[in-house]
PDB file of N, CA and C in Angstrom:
ATOM      1  N   UNK A   1      -7.669   1.323  19.089  1.00  0.00           N
ATOM      2  CA  UNK A   1      -8.850   0.630  19.002  1.00  0.00           C
ATOM      3  C   UNK A   1      -9.364   1.301  17.690  1.00  0.00           C
ATOM      4  N   UNK A   2      -8.533   2.389  16.853  1.00  0.00           N
ATOM      5  CA  UNK A   2      -8.530   1.928  15.224  1.00  0.00           C
ATOM      6  C   UNK A   2      -8.652   1.986  14.792  1.00  0.00           C
ATOM      7  N   UNK A   3      -7.348   0.216  14.581  1.00  0.00           N
ATOM      8  CA  UNK A   3      -6.622  -0.442  14.187  1.00  0.00           C
ATOM      9  C   UNK A   3      -6.942  -1.971  14.889  1.00  0.00           C
ATOM     10  N   UNK A   4      -7.751  -1.864  15.855  1.00  0.00           N
ATOM     11  CA  UNK A   4      -9.389  -3.057  15.682  1.00  0.00           C
ATOM     12  C   UNK A   4      -9.816  -3.160  14.332  1.00  0.00           C
ATOM     13  N   UNK A   5     -10.364  -1.994  14.754  1.00  0.00           N
ATOM     14  CA  UNK A   5     -11.789  -1.838  13.905  1.00  0.00           C
ATOM     15  C   UNK A   5     -10.980  -1.949  12.576  1.00  0.00           C
ATOM     16  N   UNK A   6     -10.491  -1.468  12.128  1.00  0.00           N
ATOM     17  CA  UNK A   6     -10.165  -1.080  10.969  1.00  0.00           C
ATOM     18  C   UNK A   6      -9.730  -3.038  10.228  1.00  0.00           C
ATOM     19  N   UNK A   7      -8.991  -3.422  11.046  1.00  0.00           N
ATOM     20  CA  UNK A   7      -8.701  -4.857  11.220  1.00  0.00           C
ATOM     21  C   UNK A   7      -9.380  -5.741  10.732  1.00  0.00           C
ATOM     22  N   UNK A   8     -10.879  -5.934  11.921  1.00  0.00           N
ATOM     23  CA  UNK A   8     -12.015  -6.282  11.752  1.00  0.00           C
ATOM     24  C   UNK A   8     -13.252  -6.048  10.113  1.00  0.00           C
ATOM     25  N   UNK A   9     -13.270  -4.681  10.420  1.00  0.00           N
ATOM     26  CA  UNK A   9     -14.110  -4.072   8.831  1.00  0.00           C
ATOM     27  C   UNK A   9     -13.080  -5.119   8.299  1.00  0.00           C
ATOM     28  N   UNK A  10     -11.378  -5.351   7.537  1.00  0.00           N
ATOM     29  CA  UNK A  10     -11.386  -5.571   6.437  1.00  0.00           C
ATOM     30  C   UNK A  10     -11.199  -7.354   6.871  1.00  0.00           C
ATOM     31  N   UNK A  11     -11.488  -7.852   7.851  1.00  0.00           N
ATOM     32  CA  UNK A  11     -11.930  -9.329   7.929  1.00  0.00           C
ATOM     33  C   UNK A  11     -13.685 -10.143   7.165  1.00  0.00           C
ATOM     34  N   UNK A  12     -13.971  -9.050   8.249  1.00  0.00           N
ATOM     35  CA  UNK A  12     -15.857  -9.062   6.990  1.00  0.00           C
ATOM     36  C   UNK A  12     -15.571  -8.878   6.432  1.00  0.00           C
ATOM     37  N   UNK A  13     -14.379  -7.995   5.154  1.00  0.00           N
ATOM     38  CA  UNK A  13     -15.332  -7.690   3.267  1.00  0.00           C
ATOM     39  C   UNK A  13     -14.008  -8.991   3.070  1.00  0.00           C
ATOM     40  N   UNK A  14     -13.689  -9.641   3.340  1.00  0.00           N
ATOM     41  CA  UNK A  14     -12.658 -11.432   2.837  1.00  0.00           C
ATOM     42  C   UNK A  14     -14.398 -11.805   3.069  1.00  0.00           C
ATOM     43  N   UNK A  15     -13.729 -11.988   4.162  1.00  0.00           N
ATOM     44  CA  UNK A  15     -15.122 -12.979   4.513  1.00  0.00           C
ATOM     45  C   UNK A  15     -16.421 -13.477   3.961  1.00  0.00           C
ATOM     46  N   UNK A  16     -17.035 -11.778   3.704  1.00  0.00           N
ATOM     47  CA  UNK A  16     -17.798 -11.620   2.926  1.00  0.00           C
ATOM     48  C   UNK A  16     -17.706 -11.931   0.728  1.00  0.00           C
ATOM     49  N   UNK A  17     -16.381 -11.457   0.216  1.00  0.00           N
ATOM     50  CA  UNK A  17     -15.707 -11.946  -1.270  1.00  0.00           C
ATOM     51  C   UNK A  17     -15.728 -13.359  -0.955  1.00  0.00           C
ATOM     52  N   UNK A  18     -15.006 -13.939   0.139  1.00  0.00           N
ATOM     53  CA  UNK A  18     -14.695 -15.430  -0.159  1.00  0.00           C
ATOM     54  C   UNK A  18     -16.704 -15.654  -0.234  1.00  0.00           C
ATOM     55  N   UNK A  19     -17.399 -15.747   0.294  1.00  0.00           N
ATOM     56  CA  UNK A  19     -19.230 -16.771   0.833  1.00  0.00           C
ATOM     57  C   UNK A  19     -20.073 -16.250  -1.472  1.00  0.00           C
ATOM     58  N   UNK A  20     -19.425 -14.744  -1.694  1.00  0.00           N
ATOM     59  CA  UNK A  20     -20.488 -14.026  -2.753  1.00  0.00           C
ATOM     60  C   UNK A  20     -20.167 -14.257  -3.777  1.00  0.00           C
ATOM     61  N   UNK A  21     -20.258 -15.102  -5.037  1.00  0.00           N
ATOM     62  CA  UNK A  21     -19.145 -15.174  -5.875  1.00  0.00           C
ATOM     63  C   UNK A  21     -18.980 -14.198  -6.736  1.00  0.00           C
ATOM     64  N   UNK A  22     -20.771 -13.359  -6.290  1.00  0.00           N
ATOM     65  CA  UNK A  22     -21.318 -12.539  -7.987  1.00  0.00           C
ATOM     66  C   UNK A  22     -20.232 -11.219  -7.565  1.00  0.00           C
ATOM     67  N   UNK A  23     -20.872 -10.192  -5.584  1.00  0.00           N
ATOM     68  CA  UNK A  23     -19.297  -9.832  -5.051  1.00  0.00           C
ATOM     69  C   UNK A  23     -17.982  -9.507  -6.315  1.00  0.00           C
ATOM     70  N   UNK A  24     -17.502 -11.146  -5.538  1.00  0.00           N
ATOM     71  CA  UNK A  24     -16.555 -10.855  -6.091  1.00  0.00           C
ATOM     72  C   UNK A  24     -16.065 -10.429  -7.870  1.00  0.00           C
ATOM     73  N   UNK A  25     -16.368 -11.219  -8.203  1.00  0.00           N
ATOM     74  CA  UNK A  25     -16.442 -10.978  -9.925  1.00  0.00           C
ATOM     75  C   UNK A  25     -16.659  -9.323 -10.065  1.00  0.00           C
ATOM     76  N   UNK A  26     -17.288  -9.158  -9.858  1.00  0.00           N
ATOM     77  CA  UNK A  26     -18.008  -7.479  -9.267  1.00  0.00           C
ATOM     78  C   UNK A  26     -16.444  -6.798  -9.385  1.00  0.00           C
ATOM     79  N   UNK A  27     -16.058  -6.919  -8.118  1.00  0.00           N
ATOM     80  CA  UNK A  27     -15.220  -6.173  -7.643  1.00  0.00           C
ATOM     81  C   UNK A  27     -14.022  -6.449  -8.269  1.00  0.00           C
ATOM     82  N   UNK A  28     -13.959  -7.665  -9.151  1.00  0.00           N
ATOM     83  CA  UNK A  28     -11.982  -8.030  -9.986  1.00  0.00           C
ATOM     84  C   UNK A  28     -12.967  -7.061 -11.265  1.00  0.00           C
ATOM     85  N   UNK A  29     -13.939  -6.807 -11.936  1.00  0.00           N
ATOM     86  CA  UNK A  29     -13.882  -5.868 -13.139  1.00  0.00           C
ATOM     87  C   UNK A  29     -14.211  -5.324 -12.751  1.00  0.00           C
ATOM     88  N   UNK A  30     -14.196  -4.202 -11.929  1.00  0.00           N
ATOM     89  CA  UNK A  30     -13.604  -2.996 -11.276  1.00  0.00           C
ATOM     90  C   UNK A  30     -12.559  -2.675 -11.840  1.00  0.00           C
ATOM     91  N   UNK A  31     -12.177  -2.975 -11.080  1.00  0.00           N
ATOM     92  CA  UNK A  31      -9.878  -3.639 -10.976  1.00  0.00           C
ATOM     93  C   UNK A  31     -10.338  -3.615 -11.867  1.00  0.00           C
ATOM     94  N   UNK A  32     -10.581  -4.106 -12.734  1.00  0.00           N
ATOM     95  CA  UNK A  32      -9.370  -4.749 -14.439  1.00  0.00           C
ATOM     96  C   UNK A  32     -10.080  -3.681 -15.234  1.00  0.00           C
ATOM     97  N   UNK A  33     -11.269  -2.683 -14.810  1.00  0.00           N
ATOM     98  CA  UNK A  33     -12.088  -1.858 -15.899  1.00  0.00           C
ATOM     99  C   UNK A  33     -10.814  -0.680 -15.617  1.00  0.00           C
ATOM    100  N   UNK A  34     -10.388  -0.376 -14.522  1.00  0.00           N
ATOM    101  CA  UNK A  34      -9.120   0.788 -13.827  1.00  0.00           C
ATOM    102  C   UNK A  34      -8.435   0.972 -14.177  1.00  0.00           C
ATOM    103  N   UNK A  35      -7.309  -0.859 -14.325  1.00  0.00           N
ATOM    104  CA  UNK A  35      -6.131  -0.868 -14.733  1.00  0.00           C
ATOM    105  C   UNK A  35      -6.099  -0.882 -16.103  1.00  0.00           C
ATOM    106  N   UNK A  36      -7.811  -1.356 -16.842  1.00  0.00           N
ATOM    107  CA  UNK A  36      -6.743  -0.790 -18.430  1.00  0.00           C
ATOM    108  C   UNK A  36      -6.893   1.268 -18.690  1.00  0.00           C
ATOM    109  N   UNK A  37      -7.653   1.213 -18.086  1.00  0.00           N
ATOM    110  CA  UNK A  37      -7.875   2.913 -18.361  1.00  0.00           C
ATOM    111  C   UNK A  37      -6.341   3.919 -17.778  1.00  0.00           C
ATOM    112  N   UNK A  38      -6.443   3.288 -17.300  1.00  0.00           N
ATOM    113  CA  UNK A  38      -4.641   3.837 -16.877  1.00  0.00           C
ATOM    114  C   UNK A  38      -4.018   3.492 -17.508  1.00  0.00           C
ATOM    115  N   UNK A  39      -3.645   1.714 -18.095  1.00  0.00           N
ATOM    116  CA  UNK A  39      -2.721   1.588 -18.702  1.00  0.00           C
ATOM    117  C   UNK A  39      -2.838   2.176 -20.688  1.00  0.00           C
ATOM    118  N   UNK A  40      -4.438   2.792 -20.863  1.00  0.00           N
ATOM    119  CA  UNK A  40      -3.990   2.761 -22.076  1.00  0.00           C
ATOM    120  C   UNK A  40      -3.813   4.839 -22.191  1.00  0.00           C
ATOM    121  N   UNK A  41      -4.240   5.479 -20.525  1.00  0.00           N
ATOM    122  CA  UNK A  41      -3.280   6.407 -20.710  1.00  0.00           C
ATOM    123  C   UNK A  41      -2.019   6.713 -20.315  1.00  0.00           C
ATOM    124  N   UNK A  42      -0.938   5.567 -20.191  1.00  0.00           N
ATOM    125  CA  UNK A  42       0.335   6.022 -19.940  1.00  0.00           C
ATOM    126  C   UNK A  42       0.815   6.055 -21.235  1.00  0.00           C
ATOM    127  N   UNK A  43       0.468   5.291 -22.758  1.00  0.00           N
ATOM    128  CA  UNK A  43       0.722   4.519 -24.128  1.00  0.00           C
ATOM    129  C   UNK A  43       0.501   5.730 -24.157  1.00  0.00           C
TER     130      UNK A  43
END
């Protein structure tokens, strides 16, 4: 039951991101910001 709910939530989130360009761009900017900070710490 928990696995099915998790898969449903992932599917709904993916569908939302596919339909909403602004939300998708905001998420990508967040990931790039996080990875940029992580790279700066490693060096």
